[in-house]
Amino acid sequence: MKRSDVINFIIFLIIGLIVLASVIIFVVPQTMKIISSQQNLSNISNNALNQTFSNISNISIK
């Protein structure tokens, strides 16, 4: 391998690491937001289901 090949490889490696780091920095927070919003939605739907079932059981008990 020539010296210029080694330098090119190192530059390519550094650029790749920078791209990877920027992707991680941008993608991870978005993923966290999506996960938390899905959890909120499931909590809302679970609450609605619980409310509905408790209403039904109250009506049937009366």
PDB file of N, CA and C in Angstrom:
ATOM      1  N   MET A   1       0.847  -1.202   0.000  1.00  0.00           N
ATOM      2  CA  MET A   1       0.000   0.000   0.000  1.00  0.00           C
ATOM      3  C   MET A   1       0.876   1.242   0.000  1.00  0.00           C
ATOM      4  N   LYS A   2       0.444   2.191  -0.816  1.00  0.00           N
ATOM      5  CA  LYS A   2       1.178   3.459  -0.858  1.00  0.00           C
ATOM      6  C   LYS A   2       0.755   4.337   0.308  1.00  0.00           C
ATOM      7  N   ARG A   3       1.570   5.338   0.560  1.00  0.00           N
ATOM      8  CA  ARG A   3       1.277   6.252   1.671  1.00  0.00           C
ATOM      9  C   ARG A   3      -0.029   7.011   1.407  1.00  0.00           C
ATOM     10  N   SER A   4      -0.267   7.397   0.148  1.00  0.00           N
ATOM     11  CA  SER A   4      -1.486   8.148  -0.174  1.00  0.00           C
ATOM     12  C   SER A   4      -2.728   7.286   0.038  1.00  0.00           C
ATOM     13  N   ASP A   5      -2.609   5.971  -0.213  1.00  0.00           N
ATOM     14  CA  ASP A   5      -3.739   5.068   0.034  1.00  0.00           C
ATOM     15  C   ASP A   5      -4.105   5.054   1.513  1.00  0.00           C
ATOM     16  N   VAL A   6      -3.080   5.005   2.366  1.00  0.00           N
ATOM     17  CA  VAL A   6      -3.323   4.989   3.807  1.00  0.00           C
ATOM     18  C   VAL A   6      -3.997   6.281   4.237  1.00  0.00           C
ATOM     19  N   ILE A   7      -3.517   7.415   3.730  1.00  0.00           N
ATOM     20  CA  ILE A   7      -4.097   8.717   4.088  1.00  0.00           C
ATOM     21  C   ILE A   7      -5.545   8.789   3.615  1.00  0.00           C
ATOM     22  N   ASN A   8      -5.807   8.339   2.392  1.00  0.00           N
ATOM     23  CA  ASN A   8      -7.177   8.344   1.873  1.00  0.00           C
ATOM     24  C   ASN A   8      -8.082   7.465   2.722  1.00  0.00           C
ATOM     25  N   PHE A   9      -7.572   6.306   3.137  1.00  0.00           N
ATOM     26  CA  PHE A   9      -8.366   5.392   3.960  1.00  0.00           C
ATOM     27  C   PHE A   9      -8.697   6.033   5.302  1.00  0.00           C
ATOM     28  N   ILE A  10      -7.708   6.703   5.908  1.00  0.00           N
ATOM     29  CA  ILE A  10      -7.936   7.353   7.201  1.00  0.00           C
ATOM     30  C   ILE A  10      -8.964   8.471   7.055  1.00  0.00           C
ATOM     31  N   ILE A  11      -8.857   9.269   5.986  1.00  0.00           N
ATOM     32  CA  ILE A  11      -9.821  10.355   5.752  1.00  0.00           C
ATOM     33  C   ILE A  11     -11.222   9.775   5.562  1.00  0.00           C
ATOM     34  N   PHE A  12     -11.305   8.696   4.766  1.00  0.00           N
ATOM     35  CA  PHE A  12     -12.596   8.042   4.533  1.00  0.00           C
ATOM     36  C   PHE A  12     -13.185   7.525   5.842  1.00  0.00           C
ATOM     37  N   LEU A  13     -12.327   6.943   6.685  1.00  0.00           N
ATOM     38  CA  LEU A  13     -12.767   6.420   7.975  1.00  0.00           C
ATOM     39  C   LEU A  13     -13.295   7.535   8.866  1.00  0.00           C
ATOM     40  N   ILE A  14     -12.585   8.669   8.900  1.00  0.00           N
ATOM     41  CA  ILE A  14     -13.004   9.801   9.734  1.00  0.00           C
ATOM     42  C   ILE A  14     -14.345  10.343   9.251  1.00  0.00           C
ATOM     43  N   ILE A  15     -14.497  10.493   7.928  1.00  0.00           N
ATOM     44  CA  ILE A  15     -15.765  10.997   7.377  1.00  0.00           C
ATOM     45  C   ILE A  15     -16.903  10.032   7.715  1.00  0.00           C
ATOM     46  N   GLY A  16     -16.641   8.739   7.596  1.00  0.00           N
ATOM     47  CA  GLY A  16     -17.654   7.741   7.935  1.00  0.00           C
ATOM     48  C   GLY A  16     -18.073   7.824   9.390  1.00  0.00           C
ATOM     49  N   LEU A  17     -17.091   8.011  10.279  1.00  0.00           N
ATOM     50  CA  LEU A  17     -17.408   8.127  11.707  1.00  0.00           C
ATOM     51  C   LEU A  17     -18.225   9.377  11.984  1.00  0.00           C
ATOM     52  N   ILE A  18     -17.894  10.489  11.305  1.00  0.00           N
ATOM     53  CA  ILE A  18     -18.652  11.734  11.496  1.00  0.00           C
ATOM     54  C   ILE A  18     -20.098  11.542  11.041  1.00  0.00           C
ATOM     55  N   VAL A  19     -20.282  10.906   9.891  1.00  0.00           N
ATOM     56  CA  VAL A  19     -21.635  10.658   9.377  1.00  0.00           C
ATOM     57  C   VAL A  19     -22.416   9.766  10.337  1.00  0.00           C
ATOM     58  N   LEU A  20     -21.746   8.719  10.825  1.00  0.00           N
ATOM     59  CA  LEU A  20     -22.398   7.801  11.755  1.00  0.00           C
ATOM     60  C   LEU A  20     -22.806   8.515  13.035  1.00  0.00           C
ATOM     61  N   ALA A  21     -21.909   9.352  13.555  1.00  0.00           N
ATOM     62  CA  ALA A  21     -22.207  10.080  14.790  1.00  0.00           C
ATOM     63  C   ALA A  21     -23.375  11.039  14.581  1.00  0.00           C
ATOM     64  N   SER A  22     -23.397  11.737  13.436  1.00  0.00           N
ATOM     65  CA  SER A  22     -24.486  12.689  13.193  1.00  0.00           C
ATOM     66  C   SER A  22     -25.813  11.958  13.030  1.00  0.00           C
ATOM     67  N   VAL A  23     -25.804  10.809  12.383  1.00  0.00           N
ATOM     68  CA  VAL A  23     -27.032  10.018  12.241  1.00  0.00           C
ATOM     69  C   VAL A  23     -27.543   9.589  13.610  1.00  0.00           C
ATOM     70  N   ILE A  24     -26.621   9.129  14.467  1.00  0.00           N
ATOM     71  CA  ILE A  24     -27.025   8.704  15.815  1.00  0.00           C
ATOM     72  C   ILE A  24     -27.594   9.884  16.587  1.00  0.00           C
ATOM     73  N   ILE A  25     -26.929  11.048  16.488  1.00  0.00           N
ATOM     74  CA  ILE A  25     -27.370  12.225  17.243  1.00  0.00           C
ATOM     75  C   ILE A  25     -28.763  12.665  16.792  1.00  0.00           C
ATOM     76  N   PHE A  26     -29.053  12.571  15.475  1.00  0.00           N
ATOM     77  CA  PHE A  26     -30.353  13.037  14.987  1.00  0.00           C
ATOM     78  C   PHE A  26     -31.443  11.984  15.122  1.00  0.00           C
ATOM     79  N   VAL A  27     -31.108  10.711  14.933  1.00  0.00           N
ATOM     80  CA  VAL A  27     -32.132   9.664  14.873  1.00  0.00           C
ATOM     81  C   VAL A  27     -32.594   9.248  16.263  1.00  0.00           C
ATOM     82  N   VAL A  28     -31.659   9.150  17.221  1.00  0.00           N
ATOM     83  CA  VAL A  28     -32.021   8.642  18.551  1.00  0.00           C
ATOM     84  C   VAL A  28     -33.075   9.512  19.238  1.00  0.00           C
ATOM     85  N   PRO A  29     -32.942  10.859  19.264  1.00  0.00           N
ATOM     86  CA  PRO A  29     -33.993  11.661  19.906  1.00  0.00           C
ATOM     87  C   PRO A  29     -35.351  11.513  19.224  1.00  0.00           C
ATOM     88  N   GLN A  30     -35.356  11.443  17.890  1.00  0.00           N
ATOM     89  CA  GLN A  30     -36.616  11.262  17.171  1.00  0.00           C
ATOM     90  C   GLN A  30     -37.257   9.932  17.561  1.00  0.00           C
ATOM     91  N   THR A  31     -36.438   8.879  17.644  1.00  0.00           N
ATOM     92  CA  THR A  31     -36.949   7.565  18.027  1.00  0.00           C
ATOM     93  C   THR A  31     -37.530   7.605  19.429  1.00  0.00           C
ATOM     94  N   MET A  32     -36.838   8.298  20.338  1.00  0.00           N
ATOM     95  CA  MET A  32     -37.338   8.410  21.709  1.00  0.00           C
ATOM     96  C   MET A  32     -38.685   9.132  21.731  1.00  0.00           C
ATOM     97  N   LYS A  33     -38.809  10.214  20.921  1.00  0.00           N
ATOM     98  CA  LYS A  33     -40.081  10.944  20.857  1.00  0.00           C
ATOM     99  C   LYS A  33     -41.195  10.034  20.353  1.00  0.00           C
ATOM    100  N   ILE A  34     -40.896   9.260  19.306  1.00  0.00           N
ATOM    101  CA  ILE A  34     -41.907   8.371  18.732  1.00  0.00           C
ATOM    102  C   ILE A  34     -42.330   7.333  19.764  1.00  0.00           C
ATOM    103  N   ILE A  35     -41.345   6.750  20.469  1.00  0.00           N
ATOM    104  CA  ILE A  35     -41.660   5.725  21.470  1.00  0.00           C
ATOM    105  C   ILE A  35     -42.513   6.317  22.585  1.00  0.00           C
ATOM    106  N   SER A  36     -42.147   7.510  23.056  1.00  0.00           N
ATOM    107  CA  SER A  36     -42.903   8.090  24.172  1.00  0.00           C
ATOM    108  C   SER A  36     -44.315   8.460  23.729  1.00  0.00           C
ATOM    109  N   SER A  37     -44.477   8.940  22.484  1.00  0.00           N
ATOM    110  CA  SER A  37     -45.826   9.282  22.028  1.00  0.00           C
ATOM    111  C   SER A  37     -46.670   8.019  21.867  1.00  0.00           C
ATOM    112  N   GLN A  38     -46.050   6.912  21.431  1.00  0.00           N
ATOM    113  CA  GLN A  38     -46.801   5.652  21.337  1.00  0.00           C
ATOM    114  C   GLN A  38     -47.220   5.165  22.714  1.00  0.00           C
ATOM    115  N   GLN A  39     -46.330   5.336  23.702  1.00  0.00           N
ATOM    116  CA  GLN A  39     -46.690   4.931  25.062  1.00  0.00           C
ATOM    117  C   GLN A  39     -47.842   5.779  25.577  1.00  0.00           C
ATOM    118  N   ASN A  40     -47.817   7.094  25.271  1.00  0.00           N
ATOM    119  CA  ASN A  40     -48.916   7.958  25.692  1.00  0.00           C
ATOM    120  C   ASN A  40     -50.227   7.509  25.058  1.00  0.00           C
ATOM    121  N   LEU A  41     -50.182   7.185  23.767  1.00  0.00           N
ATOM    122  CA  LEU A  41     -51.393   6.733  23.082  1.00  0.00           C
ATOM    123  C   LEU A  41     -51.927   5.445  23.701  1.00  0.00           C
ATOM    124  N   SER A  42     -51.021   4.506  23.998  1.00  0.00           N
ATOM    125  CA  SER A  42     -51.495   3.246  24.583  1.00  0.00           C
ATOM    126  C   SER A  42     -52.054   3.484  25.980  1.00  0.00           C
ATOM    127  N   ASN A  43     -51.461   4.417  26.736  1.00  0.00           N
ATOM    128  CA  ASN A  43     -52.002   4.739  28.055  1.00  0.00           C
ATOM    129  C   ASN A  43     -53.400   5.329  27.933  1.00  0.00           C
ATOM    130  N   ILE A  44     -53.583   6.228  26.954  1.00  0.00           N
ATOM    131  CA  ILE A  44     -54.893   6.856  26.753  1.00  0.00           C
ATOM    132  C   ILE A  44     -55.929   5.791  26.392  1.00  0.00           C
ATOM    133  N   SER A  45     -55.566   4.888  25.471  1.00  0.00           N
ATOM    134  CA  SER A  45     -56.537   3.866  25.059  1.00  0.00           C
ATOM    135  C   SER A  45     -56.826   2.898  26.199  1.00  0.00           C
ATOM    136  N   ASN A  46     -55.803   2.561  27.001  1.00  0.00           N
ATOM    137  CA  ASN A  46     -56.041   1.680  28.151  1.00  0.00           C
ATOM    138  C   ASN A  46     -56.965   2.345  29.155  1.00  0.00           C
ATOM    139  N   ASN A  47     -56.753   3.639  29.395  1.00  0.00           N
ATOM    140  CA  ASN A  47     -57.625   4.362  30.320  1.00  0.00           C
ATOM    141  C   ASN A  47     -59.062   4.372  29.812  1.00  0.00           C
ATOM    142  N   ALA A  48     -59.223   4.595  28.507  1.00  0.00           N
ATOM    143  CA  ALA A  48     -60.568   4.621  27.931  1.00  0.00           C
ATOM    144  C   ALA A  48     -61.234   3.252  28.070  1.00  0.00           C
ATOM    145  N   LEU A  49     -60.474   2.189  27.814  1.00  0.00           N
ATOM    146  CA  LEU A  49     -61.034   0.841  27.960  1.00  0.00           C
ATOM    147  C   LEU A  49     -61.417   0.560  29.402  1.00  0.00           C
ATOM    148  N   ASN A  50     -60.547   0.926  30.329  1.00  0.00           N
ATOM    149  CA  ASN A  50     -60.846   0.692  31.746  1.00  0.00           C
ATOM    150  C   ASN A  50     -62.098   1.447  32.161  1.00  0.00           C
ATOM    151  N   GLN A  51     -62.209   2.685  31.698  1.00  0.00           N
ATOM    152  CA  GLN A  51     -63.383   3.501  32.033  1.00  0.00           C
ATOM    153  C   GLN A  51     -64.653   2.847  31.482  1.00  0.00           C
ATOM    154  N   THR A  52     -64.566   2.393  30.239  1.00  0.00           N
ATOM    155  CA  THR A  52     -65.728   1.757  29.611  1.00  0.00           C
ATOM    156  C   THR A  52     -66.152   0.511  30.378  1.00  0.00           C
ATOM    157  N   PHE A  53     -65.164  -0.340  30.721  1.00  0.00           N
ATOM    158  CA  PHE A  53     -65.502  -1.574  31.429  1.00  0.00           C
ATOM    159  C   PHE A  53     -66.041  -1.292  32.820  1.00  0.00           C
ATOM    160  N   SER A  54     -65.486  -0.281  33.488  1.00  0.00           N
ATOM    161  CA  SER A  54     -66.005   0.021  34.830  1.00  0.00           C
ATOM    162  C   SER A  54     -67.427   0.566  34.727  1.00  0.00           C
ATOM    163  N   ASN A  55     -67.704   1.359  33.679  1.00  0.00           N
ATOM    164  CA  ASN A  55     -69.073   1.845  33.474  1.00  0.00           C
ATOM    165  C   ASN A  55     -70.025   0.679  33.217  1.00  0.00           C
ATOM    166  N   ILE A  56     -69.596  -0.261  32.390  1.00  0.00           N
ATOM    167  CA  ILE A  56     -70.441  -1.418  32.074  1.00  0.00           C
ATOM    168  C   ILE A  56     -70.713  -2.226  33.340  1.00  0.00           C
ATOM    169  N   SER A  57     -69.659  -2.456  34.142  1.00  0.00           N
ATOM    170  CA  SER A  57     -69.858  -3.259  35.355  1.00  0.00           C
ATOM    171  C   SER A  57     -70.743  -2.517  36.351  1.00  0.00           C
ATOM    172  N   ASN A  58     -70.617  -1.188  36.417  1.00  0.00           N
ATOM    173  CA  ASN A  58     -71.485  -0.416  37.307  1.00  0.00           C
ATOM    174  C   ASN A  58     -72.942  -0.534  36.880  1.00  0.00           C
ATOM    175  N   ILE A  59     -73.170  -0.457  35.572  1.00  0.00           N
ATOM    176  CA  ILE A  59     -74.542  -0.545  35.062  1.00  0.00           C
ATOM    177  C   ILE A  59     -75.115  -1.930  35.350  1.00  0.00           C
ATOM    178  N   SER A  60     -74.300  -2.980  35.119  1.00  0.00           N
ATOM    179  CA  SER A  60     -74.818  -4.339  35.304  1.00  0.00           C
ATOM    180  C   SER A  60     -75.036  -4.645  36.784  1.00  0.00           C
ATOM    181  N   ILE A  61     -74.214  -4.064  37.663  1.00  0.00           N
ATOM    182  CA  ILE A  61     -74.410  -4.289  39.106  1.00  0.00           C
ATOM    183  C   ILE A  61     -75.711  -3.640  39.568  1.00  0.00           C
ATOM    184  N   LYS A  62     -75.981  -2.446  39.083  1.00  0.00           N
ATOM    185  CA  LYS A  62     -77.214  -1.745  39.465  1.00  0.00           C
ATOM    186  C   LYS A  62     -78.396  -2.474  38.847  1.00  0.00           C
TER     187      LYS A  62
END
